[in-house]
Amino acid sequence: MRDCSVARKWIGLSAVWLLVTILVTLRTFLNVALVAGGKPVQKRVKSSGLMRLACDAHPFMQGFVMVIDHDFVATTDAPGWFSIAGVPPGKQEISLWLETLGALTKHVTVPPHGELSVTFQYP
């Protein structure tokens, strides 16, 4: 896939030529053929969660999109570190997801000032 963008619960796709299927909890959310020079496809997403993208014509082409309804998101760097600024103080939930290992969630208390360190370890 050449481009896949998600902004505030919208998914936009464009491609050279693909038969794209988007699955949400094993249900087909979208199934569309994309061709070079064609119009990009946009679809409003009604709920947050993990979506699996796959090309019906090219089995090696697949990906995942995590749809969220807030701005507190980070991608880890090469060694696995991340930082999320501006999280409101108080009790919060933080989740981590890896394609091969799934999700881990922790409950934390964010201090009003300073930093909070969280360590995740898969069993």
C-alpha atoms as a PDB file:
ATOM      1  CA  MET A   1       0.000   0.000   0.000  1.00  0.00           C
ATOM      2  CA  ARG A   2       1.345   3.380  -0.888  1.00  0.00           C
ATOM      3  CA  ASP A   3      -0.555   5.533   1.592  1.00  0.00           C
ATOM      4  CA  CYS A   4      -2.756   4.870   4.579  1.00  0.00           C
ATOM      5  CA  SER A   5      -3.702   7.696   6.861  1.00  0.00           C
ATOM      6  CA  VAL A   6      -5.968   7.912   9.884  1.00  0.00           C
ATOM      7  CA  ALA A   7      -7.107  11.192  11.348  1.00  0.00           C
ATOM      8  CA  ARG A   8      -9.743  11.423  14.022  1.00  0.00           C
ATOM      9  CA  LYS A   9     -11.623   8.268  13.118  1.00  0.00           C
ATOM     10  CA  TRP A  10     -11.335   8.626   9.328  1.00  0.00           C
ATOM     11  CA  ILE A  11      -9.399   6.191   7.175  1.00  0.00           C
ATOM     12  CA  GLY A  12      -8.035   7.293   3.804  1.00  0.00           C
ATOM     13  CA  LEU A  13      -6.476   4.860   1.330  1.00  0.00           C
ATOM     14  CA  SER A  14      -4.804   5.304  -2.038  1.00  0.00           C
ATOM     15  CA  ALA A  15      -2.797   2.789  -4.035  1.00  0.00           C
ATOM     16  CA  VAL A  16      -1.339   1.662  -7.318  1.00  0.00           C
ATOM     17  CA  TRP A  17      -3.739  -1.310  -7.635  1.00  0.00           C
ATOM     18  CA  LEU A  18      -5.103  -3.235  -4.695  1.00  0.00           C
ATOM     19  CA  LEU A  19      -8.160  -5.123  -3.546  1.00  0.00           C
ATOM     20  CA  VAL A  20      -8.258  -3.866   0.019  1.00  0.00           C
ATOM     21  CA  THR A  21     -10.204  -5.508   2.818  1.00  0.00           C
ATOM     22  CA  ILE A  22     -10.342  -3.906   6.249  1.00  0.00           C
ATOM     23  CA  LEU A  23     -11.379  -6.209   9.090  1.00  0.00           C
ATOM     24  CA  VAL A  24     -12.538  -5.221  12.567  1.00  0.00           C
ATOM     25  CA  THR A  25     -12.822  -8.141  15.023  1.00  0.00           C
ATOM     26  CA  LEU A  26     -13.067 -10.580  12.098  1.00  0.00           C
ATOM     27  CA  ARG A  27     -15.917  -8.612  10.432  1.00  0.00           C
ATOM     28  CA  THR A  28     -15.361  -6.907   7.089  1.00  0.00           C
ATOM     29  CA  PHE A  29     -15.469  -3.149   7.584  1.00  0.00           C
ATOM     30  CA  LEU A  30     -14.551  -2.190   4.005  1.00  0.00           C
ATOM     31  CA  ASN A  31     -13.782  -4.115   0.820  1.00  0.00           C
ATOM     32  CA  VAL A  32     -12.798  -1.976  -2.160  1.00  0.00           C
ATOM     33  CA  ALA A  33     -10.683  -2.138  -5.318  1.00  0.00           C
ATOM     34  CA  LEU A  34      -8.129   0.672  -5.594  1.00  0.00           C
ATOM     35  CA  VAL A  35      -6.508   1.554  -8.927  1.00  0.00           C
ATOM     36  CA  ALA A  36      -3.681   3.892  -9.921  1.00  0.00           C
ATOM     37  CA  GLY A  37      -4.998   7.375 -10.639  1.00  0.00           C
ATOM     38  CA  GLY A  38      -8.337   6.564  -9.047  1.00  0.00           C
ATOM     39  CA  LYS A  39      -9.974   8.512  -6.267  1.00  0.00           C
ATOM     40  CA  PRO A  40      -8.745   7.815  -2.734  1.00  0.00           C
ATOM     41  CA  VAL A  41     -11.309   6.096  -0.539  1.00  0.00           C
ATOM     42  CA  GLN A  42     -12.415   7.619   2.761  1.00  0.00           C
ATOM     43  CA  LYS A  43     -14.548   5.823   5.307  1.00  0.00           C
ATOM     44  CA  ARG A  44     -15.727   7.135   8.664  1.00  0.00           C
ATOM     45  CA  VAL A  45     -14.877   4.853  11.561  1.00  0.00           C
ATOM     46  CA  LYS A  46     -17.553   4.688  14.248  1.00  0.00           C
ATOM     47  CA  SER A  47     -15.526   3.191  17.076  1.00  0.00           C
ATOM     48  CA  SER A  48     -11.975   2.912  18.334  1.00  0.00           C
ATOM     49  CA  GLY A  49      -9.960  -0.259  18.036  1.00  0.00           C
ATOM     50  CA  LEU A  50      -7.575  -2.321  15.974  1.00  0.00           C
ATOM     51  CA  MET A  51      -8.184  -2.743  12.242  1.00  0.00           C
ATOM     52  CA  ARG A  52      -6.369  -5.225   9.994  1.00  0.00           C
ATOM     53  CA  LEU A  53      -5.765  -4.176   6.382  1.00  0.00           C
ATOM     54  CA  ALA A  54      -5.119  -6.803   3.742  1.00  0.00           C
ATOM     55  CA  CYS A  55      -4.896  -6.970  -0.031  1.00  0.00           C
ATOM     56  CA  ASP A  56      -6.980  -9.796  -1.518  1.00  0.00           C
ATOM     57  CA  ALA A  57      -4.720  -9.933  -4.599  1.00  0.00           C
ATOM     58  CA  HIS A  58      -1.362  -9.776  -2.796  1.00  0.00           C
ATOM     59  CA  PRO A  59      -1.289 -11.895   0.389  1.00  0.00           C
ATOM     60  CA  PHE A  60       2.076 -10.453   1.471  1.00  0.00           C
ATOM     61  CA  MET A  61       0.547  -6.950   1.658  1.00  0.00           C
ATOM     62  CA  GLN A  62      -1.043  -6.393   5.037  1.00  0.00           C
ATOM     63  CA  GLY A  63      -0.962  -3.930   7.879  1.00  0.00           C
ATOM     64  CA  PHE A  64      -2.729  -2.702  10.980  1.00  0.00           C
ATOM     65  CA  VAL A  65      -4.309   0.598  11.984  1.00  0.00           C
ATOM     66  CA  MET A  66      -5.122   1.441  15.588  1.00  0.00           C
ATOM     67  CA  VAL A  67      -8.038   3.897  15.708  1.00  0.00           C
ATOM     68  CA  ILE A  68      -8.179   6.005  18.853  1.00  0.00           C
ATOM     69  CA  ASP A  69     -10.344   8.864  20.052  1.00  0.00           C
ATOM     70  CA  HIS A  70      -7.704  10.941  21.862  1.00  0.00           C
ATOM     71  CA  ASP A  71      -4.339  12.576  21.141  1.00  0.00           C
ATOM     72  CA  PHE A  72      -2.193  10.706  23.706  1.00  0.00           C
ATOM     73  CA  VAL A  73      -0.309   8.373  21.363  1.00  0.00           C
ATOM     74  CA  ALA A  74       3.322   7.450  20.775  1.00  0.00           C
ATOM     75  CA  THR A  75       5.400   5.170  18.603  1.00  0.00           C
ATOM     76  CA  THR A  76       8.476   3.636  20.137  1.00  0.00           C
ATOM     77  CA  ASP A  77      11.976   4.309  18.879  1.00  0.00           C
ATOM     78  CA  ALA A  78      14.375   1.489  17.910  1.00  0.00           C
ATOM     79  CA  PRO A  79      15.218   0.445  21.512  1.00  0.00           C
ATOM     80  CA  GLY A  80      11.543   0.652  22.546  1.00  0.00           C
ATOM     81  CA  TRP A  81      11.414   4.014  24.356  1.00  0.00           C
ATOM     82  CA  PHE A  82       8.507   6.437  23.995  1.00  0.00           C
ATOM     83  CA  SER A  83       7.229   9.682  25.459  1.00  0.00           C
ATOM     84  CA  ILE A  84       3.690  11.100  25.686  1.00  0.00           C
ATOM     85  CA  ALA A  85       3.427  14.775  26.654  1.00  0.00           C
ATOM     86  CA  GLY A  86       0.445  16.602  28.121  1.00  0.00           C
ATOM     87  CA  VAL A  87      -1.284  13.670  29.811  1.00  0.00           C
ATOM     88  CA  PRO A  88      -3.643  15.019  32.495  1.00  0.00           C
ATOM     89  CA  PRO A  89      -2.623  14.238  36.094  1.00  0.00           C
ATOM     90  CA  GLY A  90      -4.495  11.506  37.943  1.00  0.00           C
ATOM     91  CA  LYS A  91      -5.384   7.885  37.305  1.00  0.00           C
ATOM     92  CA  GLN A  92      -4.855   6.824  33.690  1.00  0.00           C
ATOM     93  CA  GLU A  93      -4.664   3.639  31.685  1.00  0.00           C
ATOM     94  CA  ILE A  94      -1.779   3.012  29.291  1.00  0.00           C
ATOM     95  CA  SER A  95      -1.753   0.262  26.671  1.00  0.00           C
ATOM     96  CA  LEU A  96       0.916  -1.190  24.421  1.00  0.00           C
ATOM     97  CA  TRP A  97       0.251  -3.283  21.305  1.00  0.00           C
ATOM     98  CA  LEU A  98       2.583  -5.403  19.192  1.00  0.00           C
ATOM     99  CA  GLU A  99       1.435  -7.321  16.128  1.00  0.00           C
ATOM    100  CA  THR A 100       3.010 -10.606  17.212  1.00  0.00           C
ATOM    101  CA  LEU A 101       2.426 -10.376  20.986  1.00  0.00           C
ATOM    102  CA  GLY A 102      -0.882  -8.542  21.416  1.00  0.00           C
ATOM    103  CA  ALA A 103      -1.815  -5.898  23.970  1.00  0.00           C
ATOM    104  CA  LEU A 104      -0.654  -5.107  27.488  1.00  0.00           C
ATOM    105  CA  THR A 105      -2.398  -2.561  29.720  1.00  0.00           C
ATOM    106  CA  LYS A 106      -1.331  -0.887  32.966  1.00  0.00           C
ATOM    107  CA  HIS A 107      -3.108   1.477  35.338  1.00  0.00           C
ATOM    108  CA  VAL A 108      -0.915   4.377  36.457  1.00  0.00           C
ATOM    109  CA  THR A 109      -1.197   7.593  38.427  1.00  0.00           C
ATOM    110  CA  VAL A 110       0.230  10.556  36.520  1.00  0.00           C
ATOM    111  CA  PRO A 111       1.780  13.180  38.843  1.00  0.00           C
ATOM    112  CA  PRO A 112       0.829  16.863  38.407  1.00  0.00           C
ATOM    113  CA  HIS A 113       4.465  17.737  37.628  1.00  0.00           C
ATOM    114  CA  GLY A 114       7.462  15.748  36.470  1.00  0.00           C
ATOM    115  CA  GLU A 115       7.670  12.432  34.705  1.00  0.00           C
ATOM    116  CA  LEU A 116       6.280   8.950  35.110  1.00  0.00           C
ATOM    117  CA  SER A 117       8.217   5.883  34.047  1.00  0.00           C
ATOM    118  CA  VAL A 118       6.299   2.774  32.956  1.00  0.00           C
ATOM    119  CA  THR A 119       7.896  -0.571  32.099  1.00  0.00           C
ATOM    120  CA  PHE A 120       6.103  -3.211  30.049  1.00  0.00           C
ATOM    121  CA  GLN A 121       7.264  -6.806  29.831  1.00  0.00           C
ATOM    122  CA  TYR A 122       5.594  -9.584  27.888  1.00  0.00           C
ATOM    123  CA  PRO A 123       5.357 -12.940  29.686  1.00  0.00           C
END
